[in-house]
Amino acid sequence: MHIPRRAALALLTAAAFAGSAVTATGAMAHNVLASSIAPSVPTDPVLHEVAPGGAPWVLKMGKIRLTDSGELMVHVRGLIIPELGTPGPVTSIDASLYCGNETTPFATTATSPLSMKGNGMIEAHVSLPSTCLVPSVLINPLGITSLYIATSGFGG
């Protein structure tokens, strides 16, 4: 069964946190990670040997969803540096998936655009390990995987 890309995106977005979704191939996929997103501030801890960005970030809304089939979706709205009112020089983001306390990401997506309003979406397929204890996702600016500007979690 073939589902057009727009229809598949609508299905994935609508079911992002419902526990399962229909993939573009028509198969059922189940969430292995579903999380809100927390913006970083310079005083946040180093996570997986990745430092927080050098500016405080705020976020209106953010969600991460990873399915057992490896579909990773990250959706951010209003990810900005408040004193600038924009993301400043950050015009793209990517996502790195970590397991446990590993210091090397299991997978990192390609970069995706981040608008001047701080809106962006990452849709990627990643190969999953057979086991991933305490999965976490770091949102990196401009493809710089040594920095994060947001992470799976909550706060803000």
C-alpha atoms as a PDB file:
ATOM      1  CA  MET A   1       0.000   0.000   0.000  1.00  0.00           C
ATOM      2  CA  HIS A   2       1.444   3.372  -0.987  1.00  0.00           C
ATOM      3  CA  ILE A   3       0.519   6.439   1.039  1.00  0.00           C
ATOM      4  CA  PRO A   4       1.411   9.838  -0.493  1.00  0.00           C
ATOM      5  CA  ARG A   5       4.049  11.789   1.470  1.00  0.00           C
ATOM      6  CA  ARG A   6       1.599  14.506   2.619  1.00  0.00           C
ATOM      7  CA  ALA A   7      -0.899  11.942   3.839  1.00  0.00           C
ATOM      8  CA  ALA A   8       1.849   9.995   5.614  1.00  0.00           C
ATOM      9  CA  LEU A   9       3.099  13.181   7.299  1.00  0.00           C
ATOM     10  CA  ALA A  10      -0.417  14.027   8.437  1.00  0.00           C
ATOM     11  CA  LEU A  11      -0.836  10.525   9.872  1.00  0.00           C
ATOM     12  CA  LEU A  12       2.522  10.651  11.629  1.00  0.00           C
ATOM     13  CA  THR A  13       1.881  14.113  13.037  1.00  0.00           C
ATOM     14  CA  ALA A  14      -1.626  13.249  14.235  1.00  0.00           C
ATOM     15  CA  ALA A  15      -0.461  10.053  15.894  1.00  0.00           C
ATOM     16  CA  ALA A  16       2.909  11.327  17.086  1.00  0.00           C
ATOM     17  CA  PHE A  17       2.205  10.582  20.714  1.00  0.00           C
ATOM     18  CA  ALA A  18      -0.620   8.074  20.434  1.00  0.00           C
ATOM     19  CA  GLY A  19       1.759   5.114  20.787  1.00  0.00           C
ATOM     20  CA  SER A  20       1.644   3.908  17.199  1.00  0.00           C
ATOM     21  CA  ALA A  21       1.272   5.211  13.683  1.00  0.00           C
ATOM     22  CA  VAL A  22       0.964   4.013  10.132  1.00  0.00           C
ATOM     23  CA  THR A  23       4.243   4.360   8.238  1.00  0.00           C
ATOM     24  CA  ALA A  24       4.531   5.382   4.599  1.00  0.00           C
ATOM     25  CA  THR A  25       4.598   1.670   3.704  1.00  0.00           C
ATOM     26  CA  GLY A  26       1.336   1.051   5.558  1.00  0.00           C
ATOM     27  CA  ALA A  27       2.962  -0.922   8.412  1.00  0.00           C
ATOM     28  CA  MET A  28       2.277  -0.172  12.065  1.00  0.00           C
ATOM     29  CA  ALA A  29       5.109   1.465  13.969  1.00  0.00           C
ATOM     30  CA  HIS A  30       5.233   1.777  17.749  1.00  0.00           C
ATOM     31  CA  ASN A  31       6.910   4.542  19.716  1.00  0.00           C
ATOM     32  CA  VAL A  32      10.112   3.622  21.497  1.00  0.00           C
ATOM     33  CA  LEU A  33      10.683   7.239  22.549  1.00  0.00           C
ATOM     34  CA  ALA A  34       8.173  10.058  22.777  1.00  0.00           C
ATOM     35  CA  SER A  35       9.263  13.206  24.553  1.00  0.00           C
ATOM     36  CA  SER A  36       8.796  16.893  24.869  1.00  0.00           C
ATOM     37  CA  ILE A  37      11.855  19.079  24.249  1.00  0.00           C
ATOM     38  CA  ALA A  38      13.685  21.315  26.709  1.00  0.00           C
ATOM     39  CA  PRO A  39      15.700  24.305  25.436  1.00  0.00           C
ATOM     40  CA  SER A  40      19.240  24.713  26.725  1.00  0.00           C
ATOM     41  CA  VAL A  41      20.868  27.524  28.670  1.00  0.00           C
ATOM     42  CA  PRO A  42      24.645  27.986  29.078  1.00  0.00           C
ATOM     43  CA  THR A  43      24.571  26.689  32.672  1.00  0.00           C
ATOM     44  CA  ASP A  44      23.010  23.347  31.692  1.00  0.00           C
ATOM     45  CA  PRO A  45      25.184  20.266  32.210  1.00  0.00           C
ATOM     46  CA  VAL A  46      27.390  18.673  29.608  1.00  0.00           C
ATOM     47  CA  LEU A  47      25.411  15.685  28.288  1.00  0.00           C
ATOM     48  CA  HIS A  48      27.200  12.794  26.559  1.00  0.00           C
ATOM     49  CA  GLU A  49      30.283  15.058  26.455  1.00  0.00           C
ATOM     50  CA  VAL A  50      28.260  17.604  24.437  1.00  0.00           C
ATOM     51  CA  ALA A  51      28.184  21.158  25.806  1.00  0.00           C
ATOM     52  CA  PRO A  52      25.092  23.376  25.932  1.00  0.00           C
ATOM     53  CA  GLY A  53      25.013  26.258  23.478  1.00  0.00           C
ATOM     54  CA  GLY A  54      26.557  29.561  24.508  1.00  0.00           C
ATOM     55  CA  ALA A  55      23.243  31.455  24.612  1.00  0.00           C
ATOM     56  CA  PRO A  56      20.014  30.872  26.513  1.00  0.00           C
ATOM     57  CA  TRP A  57      17.287  29.358  24.343  1.00  0.00           C
ATOM     58  CA  VAL A  58      13.520  29.347  24.801  1.00  0.00           C
ATOM     59  CA  LEU A  59      10.961  27.143  23.108  1.00  0.00           C
ATOM     60  CA  LYS A  60       7.217  27.508  22.581  1.00  0.00           C
ATOM     61  CA  MET A  61       6.673  23.843  21.726  1.00  0.00           C
ATOM     62  CA  GLY A  62       8.760  20.828  20.865  1.00  0.00           C
ATOM     63  CA  LYS A  63       8.205  17.092  20.407  1.00  0.00           C
ATOM     64  CA  ILE A  64      10.393  14.116  19.622  1.00  0.00           C
ATOM     65  CA  ARG A  65       9.092  10.773  18.413  1.00  0.00           C
ATOM     66  CA  LEU A  66      11.138   7.685  17.567  1.00  0.00           C
ATOM     67  CA  THR A  67       9.439   4.492  16.409  1.00  0.00           C
ATOM     68  CA  ASP A  68      10.612   0.900  16.516  1.00  0.00           C
ATOM     69  CA  SER A  69      10.994   1.067  12.727  1.00  0.00           C
ATOM     70  CA  GLY A  70      13.589   3.861  13.104  1.00  0.00           C
ATOM     71  CA  GLU A  71      11.405   6.803  12.061  1.00  0.00           C
ATOM     72  CA  LEU A  72      12.597   9.885  13.945  1.00  0.00           C
ATOM     73  CA  MET A  73      10.503  13.044  13.962  1.00  0.00           C
ATOM     74  CA  VAL A  74      11.508  16.239  15.735  1.00  0.00           C
ATOM     75  CA  HIS A  75       9.193  19.241  15.648  1.00  0.00           C
ATOM     76  CA  VAL A  76      10.103  22.609  17.191  1.00  0.00           C
ATOM     77  CA  ARG A  77       8.190  25.891  17.305  1.00  0.00           C
ATOM     78  CA  GLY A  78       9.675  29.108  18.607  1.00  0.00           C
ATOM     79  CA  LEU A  79      13.191  27.826  19.369  1.00  0.00           C
ATOM     80  CA  ILE A  80      14.869  31.205  19.723  1.00  0.00           C
ATOM     81  CA  ILE A  81      17.372  33.239  21.711  1.00  0.00           C
ATOM     82  CA  PRO A  82      15.029  35.577  23.632  1.00  0.00           C
ATOM     83  CA  GLU A  83      17.208  38.686  23.592  1.00  0.00           C
ATOM     84  CA  LEU A  84      17.399  38.448  19.785  1.00  0.00           C
ATOM     85  CA  GLY A  85      13.824  37.302  19.169  1.00  0.00           C
ATOM     86  CA  THR A  86      15.214  34.890  16.542  1.00  0.00           C
ATOM     87  CA  PRO A  87      17.562  31.895  16.467  1.00  0.00           C
ATOM     88  CA  GLY A  88      20.326  34.348  15.553  1.00  0.00           C
ATOM     89  CA  PRO A  89      22.919  32.727  13.288  1.00  0.00           C
ATOM     90  CA  VAL A  90      21.412  29.242  13.737  1.00  0.00           C
ATOM     91  CA  THR A  91      19.655  28.449  10.464  1.00  0.00           C
ATOM     92  CA  SER A  92      19.607  24.662  10.746  1.00  0.00           C
ATOM     93  CA  ILE A  93      19.365  21.885  13.319  1.00  0.00           C
ATOM     94  CA  ASP A  94      20.029  18.163  13.456  1.00  0.00           C
ATOM     95  CA  ALA A  95      19.284  15.497  16.040  1.00  0.00           C
ATOM     96  CA  SER A  96      21.672  13.031  17.678  1.00  0.00           C
ATOM     97  CA  LEU A  97      20.372   9.864  19.345  1.00  0.00           C
ATOM     98  CA  TYR A  98      22.289   8.607  22.376  1.00  0.00           C
ATOM     99  CA  CYS A  99      21.857   5.433  24.394  1.00  0.00           C
ATOM    100  CA  GLY A 100      22.702   5.191  28.100  1.00  0.00           C
ATOM    101  CA  ASN A 101      25.732   7.269  29.018  1.00  0.00           C
ATOM    102  CA  GLU A 102      27.491   6.783  25.673  1.00  0.00           C
ATOM    103  CA  THR A 103      29.587   9.688  24.423  1.00  0.00           C
ATOM    104  CA  THR A 104      29.199   8.851  20.747  1.00  0.00           C
ATOM    105  CA  PRO A 105      25.748   9.226  19.199  1.00  0.00           C
ATOM    106  CA  PHE A 106      24.220   6.055  17.845  1.00  0.00           C
ATOM    107  CA  ALA A 107      22.778   8.107  14.991  1.00  0.00           C
ATOM    108  CA  THR A 108      22.752  11.719  13.837  1.00  0.00           C
ATOM    109  CA  THR A 109      20.315  13.075  11.260  1.00  0.00           C
ATOM    110  CA  ALA A 110      21.098  15.354   8.354  1.00  0.00           C
ATOM    111  CA  THR A 111      20.568  19.039   9.062  1.00  0.00           C
ATOM    112  CA  SER A 112      17.144  20.566   8.496  1.00  0.00           C
ATOM    113  CA  PRO A 113      16.226  24.239   8.141  1.00  0.00           C
ATOM    114  CA  LEU A 114      15.303  26.353  11.165  1.00  0.00           C
ATOM    115  CA  SER A 115      13.225  29.422  10.281  1.00  0.00           C
ATOM    116  CA  MET A 116      13.829  32.916  11.657  1.00  0.00           C
ATOM    117  CA  LYS A 117      10.821  32.276  13.925  1.00  0.00           C
ATOM    118  CA  GLY A 118      12.579  29.190  15.324  1.00  0.00           C
ATOM    119  CA  ASN A 119      10.339  26.669  13.595  1.00  0.00           C
ATOM    120  CA  GLY A 120      11.763  23.455  12.222  1.00  0.00           C
ATOM    121  CA  MET A 121      11.078  19.803  11.548  1.00  0.00           C
ATOM    122  CA  ILE A 122      13.425  16.862  11.228  1.00  0.00           C
ATOM    123  CA  GLU A 123      12.132  13.699   9.599  1.00  0.00           C
ATOM    124  CA  ALA A 124      14.668  10.918   9.295  1.00  0.00           C
ATOM    125  CA  HIS A 125      15.076   7.188   9.335  1.00  0.00           C
ATOM    126  CA  VAL A 126      17.782   5.850  11.640  1.00  0.00           C
ATOM    127  CA  SER A 127      18.988   2.292  12.174  1.00  0.00           C
ATOM    128  CA  LEU A 128      18.299   1.324  15.762  1.00  0.00           C
ATOM    129  CA  PRO A 129      20.487  -0.819  18.001  1.00  0.00           C
ATOM    130  CA  SER A 130      18.963  -4.007  19.395  1.00  0.00           C
ATOM    131  CA  THR A 131      19.052  -2.399  22.859  1.00  0.00           C
ATOM    132  CA  CYS A 132      19.113   1.267  23.825  1.00  0.00           C
ATOM    133  CA  LEU A 133      18.857   1.950  27.532  1.00  0.00           C
ATOM    134  CA  VAL A 134      17.846   5.480  28.543  1.00  0.00           C
ATOM    135  CA  PRO A 135      17.567   6.888  24.998  1.00  0.00           C
ATOM    136  CA  SER A 136      17.984  10.631  24.637  1.00  0.00           C
ATOM    137  CA  VAL A 137      18.069  13.064  21.744  1.00  0.00           C
ATOM    138  CA  LEU A 138      20.179  16.218  21.569  1.00  0.00           C
ATOM    139  CA  ILE A 139      19.272  18.977  19.109  1.00  0.00           C
ATOM    140  CA  ASN A 140      22.456  20.392  17.582  1.00  0.00           C
ATOM    141  CA  PRO A 141      22.852  23.785  15.844  1.00  0.00           C
ATOM    142  CA  LEU A 142      24.265  24.034  12.318  1.00  0.00           C
ATOM    143  CA  GLY A 143      25.462  20.418  12.284  1.00  0.00           C
ATOM    144  CA  ILE A 144      27.819  21.084  15.215  1.00  0.00           C
ATOM    145  CA  THR A 145      27.509  17.872  17.208  1.00  0.00           C
ATOM    146  CA  SER A 146      29.742  19.156  20.024  1.00  0.00           C
ATOM    147  CA  LEU A 147      26.951  21.606  21.062  1.00  0.00           C
ATOM    148  CA  TYR A 148      23.275  21.203  21.885  1.00  0.00           C
ATOM    149  CA  ILE A 149      20.593  23.886  21.993  1.00  0.00           C
ATOM    150  CA  ALA A 150      17.758  21.610  23.112  1.00  0.00           C
ATOM    151  CA  THR A 151      17.277  18.073  24.361  1.00  0.00           C
ATOM    152  CA  SER A 152      14.613  15.486  24.983  1.00  0.00           C
ATOM    153  CA  GLY A 153      13.065  16.260  28.345  1.00  0.00           C
ATOM    154  CA  PHE A 154      11.022  19.073  29.804  1.00  0.00           C
ATOM    155  CA  GLY A 155      11.635  22.459  31.323  1.00  0.00           C
ATOM    156  CA  GLY A 156      12.304  25.771  30.064  1.00  0.00           C
END
